[in-house]
Amino acid sequence: MDKTAFSTVLLHEFKLGRTAKDAATNINVVWGEGTASERTVRCWFQKFRSGDESVEDEERVGRQSLVDHDVLLRAVEEDRRQPLIEDAKKMCVSHTVVAAHLELLGIVKKLGKWVPHDFTEQQQLERFEVSSSLLSRNDAESFPIVL
């Protein structure tokens, strides 16, 4: 459920006169446990009580991230073994910000190298072929059991 739909459901619960606890329970029963915390519902209900019935999420305060995803991807593709801290220094942000953006882009570090998290079709096919050949080899050339 996206944020706008979630807040619309909260407004509906508010207009029905439900308490924050009851609303959170109802939402969690319908959409799954952990969908709405009582604290979150209380914050939205407080906003609605003040007369603001807008269901759009407000702008957040704080420093906005200045990481350009294209620049970050190019930096990773240039040298996949480059430490995260080096990319962060180039972009003048902290290494945790770079790590968060790499995660958003679906890139993870494996064996000291930044790689896409999902396999391409070609990689999936190669893994299947290798696995199949190893299984058939195991059937054909079974290892002698020595006791």
Protein backbone atom coordinates (compact mmCIF):
# COMPACT_ATOMS: atom_id res chain seq x y z
CA MET A 1 0.00 0.00 0.00
CA ASP A 2 1.46 3.38 -0.92
CA LYS A 3 1.59 6.31 1.50
CA THR A 4 -1.35 8.17 0.00
CA ALA A 5 -3.62 5.12 0.17
CA PHE A 6 -2.45 4.45 3.73
CA SER A 7 -3.24 8.00 4.85
CA THR A 8 -6.62 7.84 3.09
CA VAL A 9 -7.49 4.73 5.10
CA LEU A 10 -6.38 6.56 8.26
CA LEU A 11 -8.61 9.53 7.40
CA HIS A 12 -11.51 7.11 6.90
CA GLU A 13 -10.87 5.53 10.31
CA PHE A 14 -10.62 9.01 11.86
CA LYS A 15 -13.93 10.12 10.34
CA LEU A 16 -15.59 6.97 11.71
CA GLY A 17 -14.58 8.17 15.18
CA ARG A 18 -12.25 5.28 15.95
CA THR A 19 -9.41 5.56 18.44
CA ALA A 20 -5.83 5.31 17.23
CA LYS A 21 -5.47 1.91 18.85
CA ASP A 22 -8.63 0.55 17.19
CA ALA A 23 -7.66 2.02 13.82
CA ALA A 24 -4.18 0.45 14.00
CA THR A 25 -5.71 -2.90 14.92
CA ASN A 26 -8.21 -2.73 12.04
CA ILE A 27 -5.53 -1.81 9.51
CA ASN A 28 -3.21 -4.57 10.70
CA VAL A 29 -6.01 -7.15 10.49
CA VAL A 30 -6.83 -6.19 6.91
CA TRP A 31 -3.35 -5.47 5.46
CA GLY A 32 -1.14 -7.60 7.68
CA GLU A 33 0.59 -7.26 11.00
CA GLY A 34 3.03 -4.36 11.19
CA THR A 35 1.35 -2.26 8.51
CA ALA A 36 0.40 0.48 10.98
CA SER A 37 1.83 1.22 14.39
CA GLU A 38 -0.35 2.86 16.99
CA ARG A 39 2.16 5.72 17.24
CA THR A 40 1.95 6.44 13.50
CA VAL A 41 -1.85 6.41 13.62
CA ARG A 42 -1.81 8.80 16.59
CA CYS A 43 0.41 11.24 14.66
CA TRP A 44 -1.94 11.20 11.66
CA PHE A 45 -5.02 11.56 13.89
CA GLN A 46 -3.41 14.57 15.58
CA LYS A 47 -2.88 16.13 12.15
CA PHE A 48 -6.53 15.45 11.21
CA ARG A 49 -7.79 16.87 14.55
CA SER A 50 -5.94 20.13 13.84
CA GLY A 51 -8.09 20.54 10.73
CA ASP A 52 -5.53 19.39 8.16
CA GLU A 53 -7.20 16.52 6.32
CA SER A 54 -4.67 16.41 3.51
CA VAL A 55 -3.62 12.84 2.76
CA GLU A 56 -0.45 13.88 0.95
CA ASP A 57 2.80 13.31 2.79
CA GLU A 58 4.48 16.57 3.76
CA GLU A 59 7.96 17.66 2.78
CA ARG A 60 10.58 16.46 5.21
CA VAL A 61 12.95 18.83 6.92
CA GLY A 62 16.63 18.17 6.88
CA ARG A 63 19.41 18.01 4.40
CA GLN A 64 18.45 16.55 1.08
CA SER A 65 20.72 13.96 -0.45
CA LEU A 66 22.81 15.33 -3.28
CA VAL A 67 23.77 12.02 -4.87
CA ASP A 68 23.28 11.77 -8.61
CA HIS A 69 22.48 8.12 -9.36
CA ASP A 70 24.00 8.29 -12.85
CA VAL A 71 27.30 9.61 -11.47
CA LEU A 72 27.28 6.96 -8.76
CA LEU A 73 26.63 4.16 -11.26
CA ARG A 74 29.44 5.40 -13.51
CA ALA A 75 31.83 5.52 -10.54
CA VAL A 76 30.95 1.96 -9.57
CA GLU A 77 31.24 0.70 -13.16
CA GLU A 78 34.67 2.34 -13.59
CA ASP A 79 36.14 0.41 -10.69
CA ARG A 80 33.94 -2.18 -9.02
CA ARG A 81 36.62 -2.87 -6.39
CA GLN A 82 36.92 0.75 -5.28
CA PRO A 83 36.14 1.26 -1.58
CA LEU A 84 32.85 2.92 -0.74
CA ILE A 85 34.64 5.72 1.10
CA GLU A 86 36.38 6.79 -2.14
CA ASP A 87 33.04 7.19 -3.95
CA ALA A 88 31.74 9.14 -0.97
CA LYS A 89 34.72 11.51 -1.02
CA LYS A 90 34.24 12.19 -4.74
CA MET A 91 30.60 13.13 -4.16
CA CYS A 92 31.19 15.04 -0.91
CA VAL A 93 28.74 12.92 1.08
CA SER A 94 29.12 10.33 3.82
CA HIS A 95 29.77 6.70 3.00
CA THR A 96 26.44 5.74 4.58
CA VAL A 97 24.59 7.96 2.09
CA VAL A 98 26.44 6.29 -0.79
CA ALA A 99 25.66 2.84 0.66
CA ALA A 100 21.97 3.70 0.94
CA HIS A 101 21.83 4.92 -2.67
CA LEU A 102 23.64 1.82 -3.93
CA GLU A 103 21.08 -0.29 -2.09
CA LEU A 104 18.27 1.70 -3.75
CA LEU A 105 19.89 1.01 -7.11
CA GLY A 106 20.05 -2.72 -6.36
CA ILE A 107 23.84 -2.91 -6.14
CA VAL A 108 25.51 -4.95 -3.41
CA LYS A 109 29.09 -5.74 -2.49
CA LYS A 110 30.14 -9.36 -2.96
CA LEU A 111 33.68 -10.61 -2.51
CA GLY A 112 35.00 -7.05 -2.34
CA LYS A 113 33.34 -6.04 -5.59
CA TRP A 114 30.19 -3.96 -6.25
CA VAL A 115 27.80 -5.99 -8.40
CA PRO A 116 24.14 -5.75 -9.40
CA HIS A 117 21.96 -7.55 -6.87
CA ASP A 118 19.83 -9.35 -9.46
CA PHE A 119 21.27 -11.72 -12.03
CA THR A 120 20.86 -10.92 -15.71
CA GLU A 121 19.18 -13.46 -17.99
CA GLN A 122 22.61 -14.52 -19.27
CA GLN A 123 23.94 -15.04 -15.73
CA GLN A 124 20.88 -17.07 -14.78
CA LEU A 125 21.31 -19.25 -17.87
CA GLU A 126 25.02 -19.80 -17.11
CA ARG A 127 24.26 -20.77 -13.51
CA PHE A 128 21.61 -23.21 -14.69
CA GLU A 129 23.97 -24.80 -17.23
CA VAL A 130 26.80 -25.19 -14.71
CA SER A 131 24.46 -26.63 -12.08
CA SER A 132 22.97 -29.07 -14.59
CA SER A 133 26.38 -30.23 -15.79
CA LEU A 134 27.58 -30.76 -12.22
CA LEU A 135 24.48 -32.78 -11.37
CA SER A 136 24.79 -34.96 -14.48
CA ARG A 137 28.53 -35.39 -13.82
CA ASN A 138 27.76 -36.50 -10.29
CA ASP A 139 25.33 -39.13 -11.60
CA ALA A 140 27.78 -40.39 -14.25
CA GLU A 141 30.96 -40.32 -12.17
CA SER A 142 29.86 -41.14 -8.67
CA PHE A 143 32.59 -40.86 -6.07
CA PRO A 144 33.66 -44.25 -4.70
CA ILE A 145 32.67 -44.70 -1.09
CA VAL A 146 35.54 -46.10 0.93
CA LEU A 147 34.84 -47.26 4.46
